[in-house]
Full PDB file with SEQRES, HELIX, SHEET, SSBOND, CRYST1, ORIGX, SCALE, CONECT and MASTER records, all heavy atoms in Angstrom:
SEQRES   1 A   38  ARG HIS VAL GLY HIS VAL PRO MET VAL TYR SER HIS MET          
SEQRES   2 A   38  ARG THR PHE ASP PRO ASP GLY ARG ASP GLN ARG TYR TRP          
SEQRES   3 A   38  ASP GLU PRO SER THR PRO LEU TYR PRO PHE GLY HIS              
HELIX    1 AA1 VAL A    3  HIS A    5  5                                   3    
HELIX    2 AA2 PRO A   18  GLN A   23  5                                   6    
CRYST1    1.000    1.000    1.000  90.00  90.00  90.00 P 1           1          
ORIGX1      1.000000  0.000000  0.000000        0.00000                         
ORIGX2      0.000000  1.000000  0.000000        0.00000                         
ORIGX3      0.000000  0.000000  1.000000        0.00000                         
SCALE1      1.000000  0.000000  0.000000        0.00000                         
SCALE2      0.000000  1.000000  0.000000        0.00000                         
SCALE3      0.000000  0.000000  1.000000        0.00000                         
ATOM      1  N   ARG A   1      -3.577  -5.391   5.139  1.00  0.00           N  
ATOM      2  CA  ARG A   1      -3.245  -5.736   6.505  1.00  0.00           C  
ATOM      3  C   ARG A   1      -4.366  -5.438   7.475  1.00  0.00           C  
ATOM      4  O   ARG A   1      -4.573  -6.122   8.456  1.00  0.00           O  
ATOM      5  CB  ARG A   1      -1.970  -4.976   6.950  1.00  0.00           C  
ATOM      6  CG  ARG A   1      -0.734  -5.325   6.148  1.00  0.00           C  
ATOM      7  CD  ARG A   1       0.468  -4.457   6.525  1.00  0.00           C  
ATOM      8  NE  ARG A   1       1.605  -4.793   5.686  1.00  0.00           N  
ATOM      9  CZ  ARG A   1       2.477  -5.774   5.927  1.00  0.00           C  
ATOM     10  NH1 ARG A   1       2.347  -6.490   7.004  1.00  0.00           N  
ATOM     11  NH2 ARG A   1       3.472  -6.008   5.080  1.00  0.00           N  
ATOM     12  N   HIS A   2      -5.092  -4.357   7.164  1.00  0.00           N  
ATOM     13  CA  HIS A   2      -6.035  -3.820   8.151  1.00  0.00           C  
ATOM     14  C   HIS A   2      -7.156  -3.117   7.392  1.00  0.00           C  
ATOM     15  O   HIS A   2      -6.961  -2.653   6.274  1.00  0.00           O  
ATOM     16  CB  HIS A   2      -5.291  -2.829   9.070  1.00  0.00           C  
ATOM     17  CG  HIS A   2      -6.113  -2.228  10.174  1.00  0.00           C  
ATOM     18  ND1 HIS A   2      -6.824  -1.075  10.002  1.00  0.00           N  
ATOM     19  CD2 HIS A   2      -6.338  -2.635  11.437  1.00  0.00           C  
ATOM     20  CE1 HIS A   2      -7.435  -0.775  11.133  1.00  0.00           C  
ATOM     21  NE2 HIS A   2      -7.155  -1.715  12.004  1.00  0.00           N  
ATOM     22  N   VAL A   3      -8.314  -3.027   8.023  1.00  0.00           N  
ATOM     23  CA  VAL A   3      -9.447  -2.364   7.347  1.00  0.00           C  
ATOM     24  C   VAL A   3      -9.154  -0.926   6.995  1.00  0.00           C  
ATOM     25  O   VAL A   3      -9.677  -0.382   6.015  1.00  0.00           O  
ATOM     26  CB  VAL A   3     -10.711  -2.450   8.223  1.00  0.00           C  
ATOM     27  CG1 VAL A   3     -10.610  -1.586   9.468  1.00  0.00           C  
ATOM     28  CG2 VAL A   3     -11.974  -2.113   7.415  1.00  0.00           C  
ATOM     29  N   GLY A   4      -8.253  -0.282   7.751  1.00  0.00           N  
ATOM     30  CA  GLY A   4      -7.921   1.082   7.487  1.00  0.00           C  
ATOM     31  C   GLY A   4      -7.144   1.273   6.194  1.00  0.00           C  
ATOM     32  O   GLY A   4      -6.955   2.405   5.732  1.00  0.00           O  
ATOM     33  N   HIS A   5      -6.691   0.172   5.567  1.00  0.00           N  
ATOM     34  CA  HIS A   5      -5.973   0.245   4.305  1.00  0.00           C  
ATOM     35  C   HIS A   5      -6.863   0.193   3.088  1.00  0.00           C  
ATOM     36  O   HIS A   5      -6.383   0.441   1.972  1.00  0.00           O  
ATOM     37  CB  HIS A   5      -4.987  -0.917   4.232  1.00  0.00           C  
ATOM     38  CG  HIS A   5      -3.816  -0.802   5.176  1.00  0.00           C  
ATOM     39  ND1 HIS A   5      -2.773  -1.681   5.128  1.00  0.00           N  
ATOM     40  CD2 HIS A   5      -3.544   0.102   6.150  1.00  0.00           C  
ATOM     41  CE1 HIS A   5      -1.889  -1.345   6.085  1.00  0.00           C  
ATOM     42  NE2 HIS A   5      -2.337  -0.257   6.683  1.00  0.00           N  
ATOM     43  N   VAL A   6      -8.125  -0.145   3.254  1.00  0.00           N  
ATOM     44  CA  VAL A   6      -8.976  -0.304   2.078  1.00  0.00           C  
ATOM     45  C   VAL A   6      -9.524   1.048   1.633  1.00  0.00           C  
ATOM     46  O   VAL A   6      -9.766   1.932   2.473  1.00  0.00           O  
ATOM     47  CB  VAL A   6     -10.144  -1.279   2.349  1.00  0.00           C  
ATOM     48  CG1 VAL A   6      -9.631  -2.659   2.713  1.00  0.00           C  
ATOM     49  CG2 VAL A   6     -11.081  -0.754   3.452  1.00  0.00           C  
ATOM     50  N   PRO A   7      -9.731   1.250   0.313  1.00  0.00           N  
ATOM     51  CA  PRO A   7      -9.396   0.290  -0.745  1.00  0.00           C  
ATOM     52  C   PRO A   7      -7.902   0.274  -1.077  1.00  0.00           C  
ATOM     53  O   PRO A   7      -7.267   1.312  -1.090  1.00  0.00           O  
ATOM     54  CB  PRO A   7     -10.194   0.802  -1.942  1.00  0.00           C  
ATOM     55  CG  PRO A   7     -10.315   2.284  -1.679  1.00  0.00           C  
ATOM     56  CD  PRO A   7     -10.388   2.441  -0.196  1.00  0.00           C  
ATOM     57  N   MET A   8      -7.398  -0.937  -1.289  1.00  0.00           N  
ATOM     58  CA  MET A   8      -5.957  -1.115  -1.631  1.00  0.00           C  
ATOM     59  C   MET A   8      -5.919  -1.999  -2.890  1.00  0.00           C  
ATOM     60  O   MET A   8      -6.480  -3.091  -2.900  1.00  0.00           O  
ATOM     61  CB  MET A   8      -5.206  -1.748  -0.477  1.00  0.00           C  
ATOM     62  CG  MET A   8      -3.776  -2.155  -0.826  1.00  0.00           C  
ATOM     63  SD  MET A   8      -2.893  -2.854   0.577  1.00  0.00           S  
ATOM     64  CE  MET A   8      -2.398  -1.366   1.439  1.00  0.00           C  
ATOM     65  N   VAL A   9      -5.290  -1.494  -3.964  1.00  0.00           N  
ATOM     66  CA  VAL A   9      -5.158  -2.266  -5.187  1.00  0.00           C  
ATOM     67  C   VAL A   9      -3.706  -2.279  -5.635  1.00  0.00           C  
ATOM     68  O   VAL A   9      -2.938  -1.355  -5.363  1.00  0.00           O  
ATOM     69  CB  VAL A   9      -6.052  -1.697  -6.297  1.00  0.00           C  
ATOM     70  CG1 VAL A   9      -7.530  -1.795  -5.913  1.00  0.00           C  
ATOM     71  CG2 VAL A   9      -5.691  -0.265  -6.612  1.00  0.00           C  
ATOM     72  N   TYR A  10      -3.347  -3.327  -6.356  1.00  0.00           N  
ATOM     73  CA  TYR A  10      -1.978  -3.433  -6.842  1.00  0.00           C  
ATOM     74  C   TYR A  10      -1.743  -2.432  -7.991  1.00  0.00           C  
ATOM     75  O   TYR A  10      -0.612  -1.971  -8.197  1.00  0.00           O  
ATOM     76  CB  TYR A  10      -1.680  -4.847  -7.284  1.00  0.00           C  
ATOM     77  CG  TYR A  10      -2.161  -5.178  -8.683  1.00  0.00           C  
ATOM     78  CD1 TYR A  10      -1.304  -5.049  -9.776  1.00  0.00           C  
ATOM     79  CD2 TYR A  10      -3.478  -5.553  -8.925  1.00  0.00           C  
ATOM     80  CE1 TYR A  10      -1.744  -5.307 -11.059  1.00  0.00           C  
ATOM     81  CE2 TYR A  10      -3.929  -5.836 -10.202  1.00  0.00           C  
ATOM     82  CZ  TYR A  10      -3.073  -5.707 -11.268  1.00  0.00           C  
ATOM     83  OH  TYR A  10      -3.510  -5.955 -12.543  1.00  0.00           O  
ATOM     84  N   SER A  11      -2.793  -2.140  -8.739  1.00  0.00           N  
ATOM     85  CA  SER A  11      -2.647  -1.312  -9.958  1.00  0.00           C  
ATOM     86  C   SER A  11      -2.843   0.167  -9.668  1.00  0.00           C  
ATOM     87  O   SER A  11      -3.583   0.863 -10.374  1.00  0.00           O  
ATOM     88  CB  SER A  11      -3.631  -1.793 -11.024  1.00  0.00           C  
ATOM     89  OG  SER A  11      -4.952  -1.786 -10.493  1.00  0.00           O  
ATOM     90  N   HIS A  12      -2.194   0.650  -8.654  1.00  0.00           N  
ATOM     91  CA  HIS A  12      -2.243   2.049  -8.280  1.00  0.00           C  
ATOM     92  C   HIS A  12      -1.319   2.860  -9.181  1.00  0.00           C  
ATOM     93  O   HIS A  12      -0.460   2.319  -9.910  1.00  0.00           O  
ATOM     94  CB  HIS A  12      -1.854   2.251  -6.820  1.00  0.00           C  
ATOM     95  CG  HIS A  12      -0.509   1.642  -6.475  1.00  0.00           C  
ATOM     96  ND1 HIS A  12       0.666   2.289  -6.772  1.00  0.00           N  
ATOM     97  CD2 HIS A  12      -0.179   0.485  -5.862  1.00  0.00           C  
ATOM     98  CE1 HIS A  12       1.690   1.541  -6.381  1.00  0.00           C  
ATOM     99  NE2 HIS A  12       1.199   0.443  -5.814  1.00  0.00           N  
ATOM    100  N   MET A  13      -1.457   4.181  -9.113  1.00  0.00           N  
ATOM    101  CA  MET A  13      -0.569   5.035  -9.884  1.00  0.00           C  
ATOM    102  C   MET A  13       0.792   5.183  -9.199  1.00  0.00           C  
ATOM    103  O   MET A  13       0.934   4.920  -7.983  1.00  0.00           O  
ATOM    104  CB  MET A  13      -1.196   6.421 -10.059  1.00  0.00           C  
ATOM    105  CG  MET A  13      -2.515   6.396 -10.809  1.00  0.00           C  
ATOM    106  SD  MET A  13      -2.343   5.675 -12.479  1.00  0.00           S  
ATOM    107  CE  MET A  13      -4.062   5.741 -13.040  1.00  0.00           C  
ATOM    108  N   ARG A  14       1.782   5.593  -9.939  1.00  0.00           N  
ATOM    109  CA  ARG A  14       3.132   5.676  -9.425  1.00  0.00           C  
ATOM    110  C   ARG A  14       3.263   6.804  -8.406  1.00  0.00           C  
ATOM    111  O   ARG A  14       3.947   6.637  -7.368  1.00  0.00           O  
ATOM    112  CB  ARG A  14       4.096   5.882 -10.601  1.00  0.00           C  
ATOM    113  CG  ARG A  14       5.580   5.889 -10.207  1.00  0.00           C  
ATOM    114  CD  ARG A  14       6.441   5.894 -11.461  1.00  0.00           C  
ATOM    115  NE  ARG A  14       7.841   6.144 -11.151  1.00  0.00           N  
ATOM    116  CZ  ARG A  14       8.680   5.214 -10.682  1.00  0.00           C  
ATOM    117  NH1 ARG A  14       8.234   3.996 -10.503  1.00  0.00           N  
ATOM    118  NH2 ARG A  14       9.942   5.518 -10.459  1.00  0.00           N  
ATOM    119  N   THR A  15       2.613   7.922  -8.608  1.00  0.00           N  
ATOM    120  CA  THR A  15       2.648   9.147  -7.809  1.00  0.00           C  
ATOM    121  C   THR A  15       4.012   9.815  -7.872  1.00  0.00           C  
ATOM    122  O   THR A  15       5.000   9.236  -8.388  1.00  0.00           O  
ATOM    123  CB  THR A  15       2.274   8.900  -6.328  1.00  0.00           C  
ATOM    124  OG1 THR A  15       3.422   8.455  -5.590  1.00  0.00           O  
ATOM    125  CG2 THR A  15       1.101   7.963  -6.181  1.00  0.00           C  
ATOM    126  N   PHE A  16       4.090  11.043  -7.319  1.00  0.00           N  
ATOM    127  CA  PHE A  16       5.355  11.767  -7.354  1.00  0.00           C  
ATOM    128  C   PHE A  16       6.337  11.290  -6.285  1.00  0.00           C  
ATOM    129  O   PHE A  16       7.489  11.747  -6.243  1.00  0.00           O  
ATOM    130  CB  PHE A  16       5.092  13.272  -7.151  1.00  0.00           C  
ATOM    131  CG  PHE A  16       4.568  13.635  -5.800  1.00  0.00           C  
ATOM    132  CD1 PHE A  16       5.399  13.905  -4.750  1.00  0.00           C  
ATOM    133  CD2 PHE A  16       3.175  13.671  -5.565  1.00  0.00           C  
ATOM    134  CE1 PHE A  16       4.912  14.221  -3.499  1.00  0.00           C  
ATOM    135  CE2 PHE A  16       2.674  13.975  -4.339  1.00  0.00           C  
ATOM    136  CZ  PHE A  16       3.538  14.238  -3.286  1.00  0.00           C  
ATOM    137  N   ASP A  17       5.920  10.388  -5.409  1.00  0.00           N  
ATOM    138  CA  ASP A  17       6.797   9.848  -4.377  1.00  0.00           C  
ATOM    139  C   ASP A  17       6.759   8.310  -4.359  1.00  0.00           C  
ATOM    140  O   ASP A  17       6.345   7.679  -3.398  1.00  0.00           O  
ATOM    141  CB  ASP A  17       6.368  10.386  -3.002  1.00  0.00           C  
ATOM    142  CG  ASP A  17       7.285   9.920  -1.877  1.00  0.00           C  
ATOM    143  OD1 ASP A  17       8.464   9.586  -2.159  1.00  0.00           O  
ATOM    144  OD2 ASP A  17       6.846   9.892  -0.715  1.00  0.00           O  
ATOM    145  N   PRO A  18       7.199   7.693  -5.451  1.00  0.00           N  
ATOM    146  CA  PRO A  18       7.111   6.226  -5.504  1.00  0.00           C  
ATOM    147  C   PRO A  18       7.962   5.503  -4.495  1.00  0.00           C  
ATOM    148  O   PRO A  18       7.604   4.445  -4.036  1.00  0.00           O  
ATOM    149  CB  PRO A  18       7.551   5.909  -6.948  1.00  0.00           C  
ATOM    150  CG  PRO A  18       8.407   7.062  -7.342  1.00  0.00           C  
ATOM    151  CD  PRO A  18       7.785   8.274  -6.665  1.00  0.00           C  
ATOM    152  N   ASP A  19       9.094   6.083  -4.095  1.00  0.00           N  
ATOM    153  CA  ASP A  19       9.975   5.419  -3.167  1.00  0.00           C  
ATOM    154  C   ASP A  19       9.388   5.351  -1.757  1.00  0.00           C  
ATOM    155  O   ASP A  19       9.802   4.522  -0.953  1.00  0.00           O  
ATOM    156  CB  ASP A  19      11.329   6.142  -3.117  1.00  0.00           C  
ATOM    157  CG  ASP A  19      12.069   6.051  -4.429  1.00  0.00           C  
ATOM    158  OD1 ASP A  19      11.800   5.111  -5.197  1.00  0.00           O  
ATOM    159  OD2 ASP A  19      12.894   6.919  -4.716  1.00  0.00           O  
ATOM    160  N   GLY A  20       8.426   6.213  -1.460  1.00  0.00           N  
ATOM    161  CA  GLY A  20       7.835   6.191  -0.124  1.00  0.00           C  
ATOM    162  C   GLY A  20       6.502   5.456  -0.068  1.00  0.00           C  
ATOM    163  O   GLY A  20       5.725   5.612   0.878  1.00  0.00           O  
ATOM    164  N   ARG A  21       6.267   4.605  -1.076  1.00  0.00           N  
ATOM    165  CA  ARG A  21       4.967   3.933  -1.168  1.00  0.00           C  
ATOM    166  C   ARG A  21       4.626   3.105   0.061  1.00  0.00           C  
ATOM    167  O   ARG A  21       3.463   3.072   0.507  1.00  0.00           O  
ATOM    168  CB  ARG A  21       4.976   3.053  -2.408  1.00  0.00           C  
ATOM    169  CG  ARG A  21       3.612   2.450  -2.723  1.00  0.00           C  
ATOM    170  CD  ARG A  21       2.712   3.424  -3.393  1.00  0.00           C  
ATOM    171  NE  ARG A  21       1.294   3.055  -3.256  1.00  0.00           N  
ATOM    172  CZ  ARG A  21       0.293   3.741  -3.759  1.00  0.00           C  
ATOM    173  NH1 ARG A  21       0.520   4.854  -4.422  1.00  0.00           N  
ATOM    174  NH2 ARG A  21      -0.943   3.345  -3.600  1.00  0.00           N  
ATOM    175  N   ASP A  22       5.632   2.441   0.657  1.00  0.00           N  
ATOM    176  CA  ASP A  22       5.360   1.597   1.817  1.00  0.00           C  
ATOM    177  C   ASP A  22       5.339   2.385   3.124  1.00  0.00           C  
ATOM    178  O   ASP A  22       5.251   1.794   4.197  1.00  0.00           O  
ATOM    179  CB  ASP A  22       6.380   0.451   1.896  1.00  0.00           C  
ATOM    180  CG  ASP A  22       7.787   0.928   2.140  1.00  0.00           C  
ATOM    181  OD1 ASP A  22       8.031   2.151   1.975  1.00  0.00           O  
ATOM    182  OD2 ASP A  22       8.629   0.097   2.495  1.00  0.00           O  
ATOM    183  N   GLN A  23       5.431   3.722   3.051  1.00  0.00           N  
ATOM    184  CA  GLN A  23       5.466   4.526   4.246  1.00  0.00           C  
ATOM    185  C   GLN A  23       4.287   5.534   4.291  1.00  0.00           C  
ATOM    186  O   GLN A  23       4.349   6.557   4.959  1.00  0.00           O  
ATOM    187  CB  GLN A  23       6.770   5.305   4.314  1.00  0.00           C  
ATOM    188  CG  GLN A  23       7.997   4.422   4.310  1.00  0.00           C  
ATOM    189  CD  GLN A  23       9.272   5.185   4.035  1.00  0.00           C  
ATOM    190  OE1 GLN A  23       9.287   6.422   4.026  1.00  0.00           O  
ATOM    191  NE2 GLN A  23      10.381   4.454   3.855  1.00  0.00           N  
ATOM    192  N   ARG A  24       3.197   5.218   3.615  1.00  0.00           N  
ATOM    193  CA  ARG A  24       2.059   6.116   3.580  1.00  0.00           C  
ATOM    194  C   ARG A  24       1.415   6.256   4.950  1.00  0.00           C  
ATOM    195  O   ARG A  24       0.801   7.261   5.288  1.00  0.00           O  
ATOM    196  CB  ARG A  24       1.020   5.665   2.571  1.00  0.00           C  
ATOM    197  CG  ARG A  24       1.548   5.629   1.102  1.00  0.00           C  
ATOM    198  CD  ARG A  24       1.793   7.040   0.584  1.00  0.00           C  
ATOM    199  NE  ARG A  24       1.970   7.011  -0.873  1.00  0.00           N  
ATOM    200  CZ  ARG A  24       3.102   7.280  -1.480  1.00  0.00           C  
ATOM    201  NH1 ARG A  24       4.185   7.543  -0.786  1.00  0.00           N  
ATOM    202  NH2 ARG A  24       3.176   7.251  -2.814  1.00  0.00           N  
ATOM    203  N   TYR A  25       1.456   5.192   5.762  1.00  0.00           N  
ATOM    204  CA  TYR A  25       0.989   5.233   7.136  1.00  0.00           C  
ATOM    205  C   TYR A  25       2.192   5.208   8.065  1.00  0.00           C  
ATOM    206  O   TYR A  25       3.138   4.459   7.850  1.00  0.00           O  
ATOM    207  CB  TYR A  25       0.088   4.025   7.458  1.00  0.00           C  
ATOM    208  CG  TYR A  25      -1.126   3.922   6.547  1.00  0.00           C  
ATOM    209  CD1 TYR A  25      -1.211   2.907   5.600  1.00  0.00           C  
ATOM    210  CD2 TYR A  25      -2.210   4.788   6.701  1.00  0.00           C  
ATOM    211  CE1 TYR A  25      -2.340   2.789   4.771  1.00  0.00           C  
ATOM    212  CE2 TYR A  25      -3.331   4.683   5.869  1.00  0.00           C  
ATOM    213  CZ  TYR A  25      -3.378   3.663   4.920  1.00  0.00           C  
ATOM    214  OH  TYR A  25      -4.475   3.559   4.108  1.00  0.00           O  
ATOM    215  N   TRP A  26       2.159   6.008   9.131  1.00  0.00           N  
ATOM    216  CA  TRP A  26       3.333   6.035  10.022  1.00  0.00           C  
ATOM    217  C   TRP A  26       3.328   4.895  11.025  1.00  0.00           C  
ATOM    218  O   TRP A  26       4.338   4.568  11.629  1.00  0.00           O  
ATOM    219  CB  TRP A  26       3.425   7.355  10.755  1.00  0.00           C  
ATOM    220  CG  TRP A  26       2.261   7.692  11.657  1.00  0.00           C  
ATOM    221  CD1 TRP A  26       1.206   8.472  11.375  1.00  0.00           C  
ATOM    222  CD2 TRP A  26       2.071   7.227  13.018  1.00  0.00           C  
ATOM    223  NE1 TRP A  26       0.361   8.571  12.425  1.00  0.00           N  
ATOM    224  CE2 TRP A  26       0.863   7.792  13.464  1.00  0.00           C  
ATOM    225  CE3 TRP A  26       2.767   6.392  13.886  1.00  0.00           C  
ATOM    226  CZ2 TRP A  26       0.351   7.560  14.732  1.00  0.00           C  
ATOM    227  CZ3 TRP A  26       2.276   6.175  15.155  1.00  0.00           C  
ATOM    228  CH2 TRP A  26       1.080   6.748  15.593  1.00  0.00           C  
ATOM    229  N   ASP A  27       2.132   4.267  11.230  1.00  0.00           N  
ATOM    230  CA  ASP A  27       2.049   3.266  12.308  1.00  0.00           C  
ATOM    231  C   ASP A  27       2.340   1.847  11.842  1.00  0.00           C  
ATOM    232  O   ASP A  27       2.545   0.958  12.669  1.00  0.00           O  
ATOM    233  CB  ASP A  27       0.684   3.335  12.978  1.00  0.00           C  
ATOM    234  CG  ASP A  27      -0.497   3.223  11.994  1.00  0.00           C  
ATOM    235  OD1 ASP A  27      -0.291   3.554  10.815  1.00  0.00           O  
ATOM    236  OD2 ASP A  27      -1.577   2.788  12.407  1.00  0.00           O  
ATOM    237  N   GLU A  28       2.274   1.587  10.536  1.00  0.00           N  
ATOM    238  CA  GLU A  28       2.636   0.267  10.021  1.00  0.00           C  
ATOM    239  C   GLU A  28       2.821   0.378   8.516  1.00  0.00           C  
ATOM    240  O   GLU A  28       2.410   1.376   7.906  1.00  0.00           O  
ATOM    241  CB  GLU A  28       1.569  -0.790  10.361  1.00  0.00           C  
ATOM    242  CG  GLU A  28       0.234  -0.598   9.712  1.00  0.00           C  
ATOM    243  CD  GLU A  28      -0.730  -1.741  10.040  1.00  0.00           C  
ATOM    244  OE1 GLU A  28      -0.268  -2.907  10.089  1.00  0.00           O  
ATOM    245  OE2 GLU A  28      -1.907  -1.462  10.256  1.00  0.00           O  
ATOM    246  N   PRO A  29       3.424  -0.627   7.878  1.00  0.00           N  
ATOM    247  CA  PRO A  29       3.665  -0.548   6.441  1.00  0.00           C  
ATOM    248  C   PRO A  29       2.354  -0.392   5.681  1.00  0.00           C  
ATOM    249  O   PRO A  29       1.322  -0.972   6.056  1.00  0.00           O  
ATOM    250  CB  PRO A  29       4.346  -1.867   6.096  1.00  0.00           C  
ATOM    251  CG  PRO A  29       4.943  -2.325   7.389  1.00  0.00           C  
ATOM    252  CD  PRO A  29       4.009  -1.856   8.455  1.00  0.00           C  
ATOM    253  N   SER A  30       2.373   0.336   4.609  1.00  0.00           N  
ATOM    254  CA  SER A  30       1.176   0.492   3.781  1.00  0.00           C  
ATOM    255  C   SER A  30       1.255  -0.442   2.569  1.00  0.00           C  
ATOM    256  O   SER A  30       0.734  -0.128   1.510  1.00  0.00           O  
ATOM    257  CB  SER A  30       1.031   1.940   3.320  1.00  0.00           C  
ATOM    258  OG  SER A  30       2.179   2.400   2.675  1.00  0.00           O  
ATOM    259  N   THR A  31       1.894  -1.563   2.759  1.00  0.00           N  
ATOM    260  CA  THR A  31       1.961  -2.619   1.764  1.00  0.00           C  
ATOM    261  C   THR A  31       0.948  -3.685   2.121  1.00  0.00           C  
ATOM    262  O   THR A  31       0.533  -3.801   3.280  1.00  0.00           O  
ATOM    263  CB  THR A  31       3.361  -3.244   1.726  1.00  0.00           C  
ATOM    264  OG1 THR A  31       3.737  -3.629   3.040  1.00  0.00           O  
ATOM    265  CG2 THR A  31       4.365  -2.238   1.193  1.00  0.00           C  
ATOM    266  N   PRO A  32       0.500  -4.474   1.168  1.00  0.00           N  
ATOM    267  CA  PRO A  32      -0.490  -5.521   1.474  1.00  0.00           C  
ATOM    268  C   PRO A  32       0.144  -6.651   2.290  1.00  0.00           C  
ATOM    269  O   PRO A  32       1.358  -6.858   2.274  1.00  0.00           O  
ATOM    270  CB  PRO A  32      -0.926  -6.016   0.082  1.00  0.00           C  
ATOM    271  CG  PRO A  32       0.214  -5.713  -0.805  1.00  0.00           C  
ATOM    272  CD  PRO A  32       0.815  -4.433  -0.263  1.00  0.00           C  
ATOM    273  N   LEU A  33      -0.717  -7.393   2.979  1.00  0.00           N  
ATOM    274  CA  LEU A  33      -0.283  -8.578   3.662  1.00  0.00           C  
ATOM    275  C   LEU A  33       0.083  -9.650   2.634  1.00  0.00           C  
ATOM    276  O   LEU A  33       1.106 -10.315   2.735  1.00  0.00           O  
ATOM    277  CB  LEU A  33      -1.378  -9.087   4.623  1.00  0.00           C  
ATOM    278  CG  LEU A  33      -0.979 -10.230   5.555  1.00  0.00           C  
ATOM    279  CD1 LEU A  33       0.118  -9.754   6.514  1.00  0.00           C  
ATOM    280  CD2 LEU A  33      -2.208 -10.724   6.344  1.00  0.00           C  
ATOM    281  N   TYR A  34      -0.794  -9.795   1.614  1.00  0.00           N  
ATOM    282  CA  TYR A  34      -0.535 -10.683   0.480  1.00  0.00           C  
ATOM    283  C   TYR A  34      -0.906  -9.950  -0.790  1.00  0.00           C  
ATOM    284  O   TYR A  34      -1.969  -9.382  -0.885  1.00  0.00           O  
ATOM    285  CB  TYR A  34      -1.367 -11.980   0.575  1.00  0.00           C  
ATOM    286  CG  TYR A  34      -1.220 -12.692   1.920  1.00  0.00           C  
ATOM    287  CD1 TYR A  34      -2.327 -12.795   2.754  1.00  0.00           C  
ATOM    288  CD2 TYR A  34      -0.016 -13.240   2.324  1.00  0.00           C  
ATOM    289  CE1 TYR A  34      -2.222 -13.437   4.000  1.00  0.00           C  
ATOM    290  CE2 TYR A  34       0.110 -13.900   3.548  1.00  0.00           C  
ATOM    291  CZ  TYR A  34      -1.016 -13.986   4.372  1.00  0.00           C  
ATOM    292  OH  TYR A  34      -0.898 -14.625   5.592  1.00  0.00           O  
ATOM    293  N   PRO A  35      -0.038  -9.994  -1.797  1.00  0.00           N  
ATOM    294  CA  PRO A  35      -0.295  -9.205  -3.020  1.00  0.00           C  
ATOM    295  C   PRO A  35      -1.321  -9.880  -3.945  1.00  0.00           C  
ATOM    296  O   PRO A  35      -1.585 -11.083  -3.827  1.00  0.00           O  
ATOM    297  CB  PRO A  35       1.075  -9.155  -3.698  1.00  0.00           C  
ATOM    298  CG  PRO A  35       1.756 -10.423  -3.258  1.00  0.00           C  
ATOM    299  CD  PRO A  35       1.287 -10.627  -1.840  1.00  0.00           C  
ATOM    300  N   PHE A  36      -1.892  -9.080  -4.798  1.00  0.00           N  
ATOM    301  CA  PHE A  36      -2.769  -9.613  -5.860  1.00  0.00           C  
ATOM    302  C   PHE A  36      -2.025 -10.680  -6.652  1.00  0.00           C  
ATOM    303  O   PHE A  36      -0.853 -10.578  -6.963  1.00  0.00           O  
ATOM    304  CB  PHE A  36      -3.154  -8.483  -6.789  1.00  0.00           C  
ATOM    305  CG  PHE A  36      -3.965  -8.922  -7.991  1.00  0.00           C  
ATOM    306  CD1 PHE A  36      -5.326  -9.114  -7.892  1.00  0.00           C  
ATOM    307  CD2 PHE A  36      -3.339  -9.151  -9.216  1.00  0.00           C  
ATOM    308  CE1 PHE A  36      -6.058  -9.548  -8.984  1.00  0.00           C  
ATOM    309  CE2 PHE A  36      -4.077  -9.569 -10.318  1.00  0.00           C  
ATOM    310  CZ  PHE A  36      -5.438  -9.771 -10.195  1.00  0.00           C  
ATOM    311  N   GLY A  37      -2.739 -11.776  -6.928  1.00  0.00           N  
ATOM    312  CA  GLY A  37      -2.132 -12.881  -7.661  1.00  0.00           C  
ATOM    313  C   GLY A  37      -1.366 -13.855  -6.826  1.00  0.00           C  
ATOM    314  O   GLY A  37      -0.825 -14.875  -7.339  1.00  0.00           O  
ATOM    315  N   HIS A  38      -1.245 -13.607  -5.512  1.00  0.00           N  
ATOM    316  CA  HIS A  38      -0.466 -14.442  -4.609  1.00  0.00           C  
ATOM    317  C   HIS A  38      -1.084 -15.805  -4.390  1.00  0.00           C  
ATOM    318  O   HIS A  38      -2.303 -15.925  -4.288  1.00  0.00           O  
ATOM    319  CB  HIS A  38      -0.273 -13.746  -3.277  1.00  0.00           C  
ATOM    320  CG  HIS A  38       0.364 -14.575  -2.206  1.00  0.00           C  
ATOM    321  ND1 HIS A  38       1.696 -14.893  -2.217  1.00  0.00           N  
ATOM    322  CD2 HIS A  38      -0.157 -15.173  -1.105  1.00  0.00           C  
ATOM    323  CE1 HIS A  38       1.979 -15.633  -1.162  1.00  0.00           C  
ATOM    324  NE2 HIS A  38       0.854 -15.820  -0.452  1.00  0.00           N  
TER     325      HIS A  38                                                      
MASTER        0    0    0    2    0    0    0    6  324    1    0    3          
END                                                                             
């Protein structure tokens, strides 16, 4: 979505908090604008 998100890859690790993956940034979603393979 924004330069502040890079590097962003689809093949990231699950981490100990997988359910909060889209909440890593408080100011906007930490999900991609368009996913890999889109």
